[in-house]
């Protein structure tokens, strides 16, 4: 007699974690590092950090705003 056995349902594979930081945040961190090291943040210096020209043109405005927000610290005490 032939028996058919049901194949068990596969266990779900956990999905790899997503990127925690966006490209804009990464570029903003590079901009802050350059600025705090006393270097000018320009197209050429960001290319030296590994960014492409097209990516810089696309992401720089938002990354600049993020870098400015992160660079400002509140020193007033209540």
N, C-alpha and C. Protein backbone atom coordinates (compact mmCIF):
# COMPACT_ATOMS: atom_id res chain seq x y z
N UNK A 1 0.83 -1.16 0.00
CA UNK A 1 0.00 0.00 0.00
C UNK A 1 0.90 1.25 0.00
N UNK A 2 0.53 2.22 -0.79
CA UNK A 2 1.31 3.46 -0.91
C UNK A 2 0.74 4.48 0.06
N UNK A 3 1.65 5.07 0.81
CA UNK A 3 1.23 6.10 1.76
C UNK A 3 1.80 7.44 1.30
N UNK A 4 0.99 8.44 1.43
CA UNK A 4 1.43 9.80 1.13
C UNK A 4 1.61 10.53 2.44
N UNK A 5 2.75 11.12 2.55
CA UNK A 5 3.05 11.85 3.77
C UNK A 5 3.05 13.34 3.46
N UNK A 6 2.40 14.08 4.31
CA UNK A 6 2.33 15.52 4.11
C UNK A 6 3.68 16.15 4.48
N UNK A 7 4.13 17.03 3.64
CA UNK A 7 5.39 17.74 3.90
C UNK A 7 5.08 18.84 4.93
N UNK A 8 5.84 18.89 6.01
CA UNK A 8 5.57 19.93 7.01
C UNK A 8 5.84 21.32 6.44
N UNK A 9 5.06 22.26 6.96
CA UNK A 9 5.24 23.65 6.53
C UNK A 9 6.64 24.12 6.93
N UNK A 10 7.31 24.83 6.03
CA UNK A 10 8.66 25.31 6.37
C UNK A 10 8.57 26.36 7.47
N UNK A 11 9.55 26.34 8.33
CA UNK A 11 9.59 27.36 9.38
C UNK A 11 10.00 28.69 8.75
N UNK A 12 9.39 29.76 9.20
CA UNK A 12 9.74 31.06 8.59
C UNK A 12 11.19 31.43 8.88
N UNK A 13 11.83 31.89 7.84
CA UNK A 13 13.23 32.32 7.96
C UNK A 13 13.23 33.77 8.43
N UNK A 14 13.96 34.08 9.49
CA UNK A 14 13.98 35.47 9.94
C UNK A 14 14.61 36.37 8.87
N UNK A 15 13.98 37.50 8.67
CA UNK A 15 14.47 38.45 7.68
C UNK A 15 15.70 39.17 8.22
N UNK A 16 16.65 39.45 7.35
CA UNK A 16 17.82 40.21 7.82
C UNK A 16 17.39 41.60 8.26
N UNK A 17 18.10 42.13 9.23
CA UNK A 17 17.74 43.44 9.73
C UNK A 17 17.97 44.50 8.65
N UNK A 18 17.11 45.48 8.67
CA UNK A 18 17.21 46.56 7.68
C UNK A 18 18.26 47.56 8.12
N UNK A 19 18.64 48.38 7.20
CA UNK A 19 19.61 49.43 7.51
C UNK A 19 19.01 50.34 8.58
N UNK A 20 19.78 50.59 9.59
CA UNK A 20 19.29 51.42 10.68
C UNK A 20 19.42 52.90 10.30
N UNK A 21 20.50 53.23 9.64
CA UNK A 21 20.73 54.63 9.27
C UNK A 21 20.56 54.80 7.77
N UNK A 22 20.00 55.92 7.40
CA UNK A 22 19.81 56.20 5.98
C UNK A 22 21.10 56.73 5.38
N UNK A 23 21.12 56.80 4.06
CA UNK A 23 22.30 57.34 3.37
C UNK A 23 22.52 58.80 3.73
N UNK A 24 21.42 59.54 3.91
CA UNK A 24 21.55 60.94 4.27
C UNK A 24 22.23 61.08 5.63
N UNK A 25 21.88 60.20 6.58
CA UNK A 25 22.51 60.26 7.90
C UNK A 25 23.99 59.90 7.83
N UNK A 26 24.32 58.94 6.98
CA UNK A 26 25.73 58.56 6.83
C UNK A 26 26.53 59.70 6.22
N UNK A 27 25.95 60.36 5.21
CA UNK A 27 26.64 61.48 4.60
C UNK A 27 26.76 62.63 5.61
N UNK A 28 25.73 62.85 6.41
CA UNK A 28 25.78 63.90 7.42
C UNK A 28 26.90 63.63 8.42
N UNK A 29 27.09 62.37 8.80
CA UNK A 29 28.18 62.03 9.71
C UNK A 29 29.54 62.31 9.07
N UNK A 30 29.67 61.98 7.78
CA UNK A 30 30.92 62.28 7.08
C UNK A 30 31.16 63.79 7.01
N UNK A 31 30.09 64.55 6.77
CA UNK A 31 30.21 66.00 6.72
C UNK A 31 30.67 66.55 8.07
N UNK A 32 30.10 66.05 9.15
CA UNK A 32 30.48 66.52 10.48
C UNK A 32 31.92 66.16 10.81
N UNK A 33 32.34 64.95 10.44
CA UNK A 33 33.72 64.55 10.69
C UNK A 33 34.70 65.46 9.96
N UNK A 34 34.38 65.77 8.70
CA UNK A 34 35.24 66.67 7.93
C UNK A 34 35.29 68.06 8.57
N UNK A 35 34.12 68.56 8.96
CA UNK A 35 34.06 69.91 9.53
C UNK A 35 34.80 69.98 10.86
N UNK A 36 34.64 68.98 11.71
CA UNK A 36 35.31 69.01 13.01
C UNK A 36 36.80 68.76 12.90
N UNK A 37 37.24 68.18 11.78
CA UNK A 37 38.67 67.99 11.54
C UNK A 37 39.30 69.24 10.92
N UNK A 38 38.48 70.27 10.70
CA UNK A 38 39.00 71.52 10.15
C UNK A 38 39.09 71.54 8.64
N UNK A 39 38.51 70.55 7.98
CA UNK A 39 38.54 70.50 6.51
C UNK A 39 37.25 71.09 5.96
N UNK A 40 37.33 71.63 4.77
CA UNK A 40 36.14 72.13 4.09
C UNK A 40 35.30 70.96 3.61
N UNK A 41 33.99 71.11 3.74
CA UNK A 41 33.08 70.09 3.23
C UNK A 41 32.70 70.53 1.82
N UNK A 42 33.24 69.84 0.84
CA UNK A 42 32.97 70.18 -0.55
C UNK A 42 32.75 68.90 -1.33
N UNK A 43 32.44 69.08 -2.59
CA UNK A 43 32.22 67.93 -3.47
C UNK A 43 33.47 67.04 -3.51
N UNK A 44 34.63 67.67 -3.60
CA UNK A 44 35.88 66.92 -3.71
C UNK A 44 36.18 66.12 -2.43
N UNK A 45 35.94 66.73 -1.27
CA UNK A 45 36.25 66.02 -0.03
C UNK A 45 35.26 64.88 0.22
N UNK A 46 34.02 65.05 -0.20
CA UNK A 46 33.06 63.95 -0.06
C UNK A 46 33.37 62.81 -1.03
N UNK A 47 33.89 63.16 -2.21
CA UNK A 47 34.32 62.11 -3.15
C UNK A 47 35.48 61.33 -2.54
N UNK A 48 36.38 62.03 -1.84
CA UNK A 48 37.49 61.35 -1.16
C UNK A 48 36.99 60.38 -0.09
N UNK A 49 35.82 60.68 0.49
CA UNK A 49 35.24 59.80 1.51
C UNK A 49 34.54 58.59 0.90
N UNK A 50 34.44 58.55 -0.44
CA UNK A 50 33.85 57.39 -1.09
C UNK A 50 32.48 57.62 -1.70
N UNK A 51 31.97 58.84 -1.66
CA UNK A 51 30.67 59.13 -2.25
C UNK A 51 30.84 59.45 -3.73
N UNK A 52 29.84 59.09 -4.53
CA UNK A 52 29.88 59.44 -5.95
C UNK A 52 29.29 60.83 -6.15
N UNK A 53 29.63 61.46 -7.25
CA UNK A 53 29.16 62.82 -7.52
C UNK A 53 27.64 62.86 -7.62
N UNK A 54 27.05 61.89 -8.31
CA UNK A 54 25.59 61.86 -8.45
C UNK A 54 24.90 61.69 -7.10
N UNK A 55 25.46 60.84 -6.26
CA UNK A 55 24.88 60.62 -4.93
C UNK A 55 24.99 61.87 -4.08
N UNK A 56 26.11 62.55 -4.18
CA UNK A 56 26.29 63.78 -3.41
C UNK A 56 25.27 64.83 -3.84
N UNK A 57 25.09 65.00 -5.14
CA UNK A 57 24.13 65.99 -5.63
C UNK A 57 22.72 65.67 -5.19
N UNK A 58 22.41 64.38 -5.09
CA UNK A 58 21.05 63.97 -4.73
C UNK A 58 20.80 64.08 -3.23
N UNK A 59 21.78 63.71 -2.41
CA UNK A 59 21.57 63.60 -0.98
C UNK A 59 22.08 64.78 -0.15
N UNK A 60 22.94 65.60 -0.72
CA UNK A 60 23.62 66.65 0.06
C UNK A 60 22.68 67.64 0.74
N UNK A 61 21.62 68.13 0.09
CA UNK A 61 20.78 69.11 0.80
C UNK A 61 20.18 68.57 2.10
N UNK A 62 19.64 67.38 2.05
CA UNK A 62 19.05 66.81 3.27
C UNK A 62 20.13 66.44 4.28
N UNK A 63 21.26 65.91 3.80
CA UNK A 63 22.35 65.54 4.70
C UNK A 63 22.91 66.78 5.40
N UNK A 64 22.96 67.88 4.68
CA UNK A 64 23.46 69.13 5.27
C UNK A 64 22.56 69.56 6.43
N UNK A 65 21.25 69.46 6.25
CA UNK A 65 20.32 69.84 7.31
C UNK A 65 20.46 68.91 8.52
N UNK A 66 20.63 67.62 8.27
CA UNK A 66 20.81 66.66 9.37
C UNK A 66 22.09 66.97 10.12
N UNK A 67 23.16 67.26 9.39
CA UNK A 67 24.45 67.57 10.02
C UNK A 67 24.35 68.83 10.87
N UNK A 68 23.63 69.82 10.39
CA UNK A 68 23.46 71.06 11.17
C UNK A 68 22.67 70.80 12.45
N UNK A 69 21.61 69.99 12.33
CA UNK A 69 20.82 69.69 13.53
C UNK A 69 21.65 68.93 14.56
N UNK A 70 22.47 67.99 14.11
CA UNK A 70 23.28 67.20 15.04
C UNK A 70 24.42 68.02 15.64
N UNK A 71 24.88 69.02 14.93
CA UNK A 71 26.03 69.81 15.39
C UNK A 71 25.63 70.83 16.45
N UNK A 72 24.37 71.20 16.50
CA UNK A 72 23.92 72.20 17.47
C UNK A 72 23.67 71.52 18.80
N UNK A 73 24.30 72.04 19.84
CA UNK A 73 24.09 71.49 21.18
C UNK A 73 23.47 72.55 22.07
N UNK A 74 22.65 72.11 22.99
CA UNK A 74 22.01 73.03 23.90
C UNK A 74 22.85 73.11 25.17
N UNK A 75 23.27 74.31 25.52
CA UNK A 75 24.14 74.47 26.69
C UNK A 75 23.42 75.12 27.86
N UNK A 76 22.21 75.60 27.66
CA UNK A 76 21.47 76.25 28.74
C UNK A 76 21.01 75.22 29.76
N UNK A 77 21.08 75.61 31.03
CA UNK A 77 20.60 74.73 32.11
C UNK A 77 19.34 75.33 32.71
N UNK A 78 18.48 74.47 33.14
CA UNK A 78 17.23 74.95 33.76
C UNK A 78 17.40 75.14 35.24
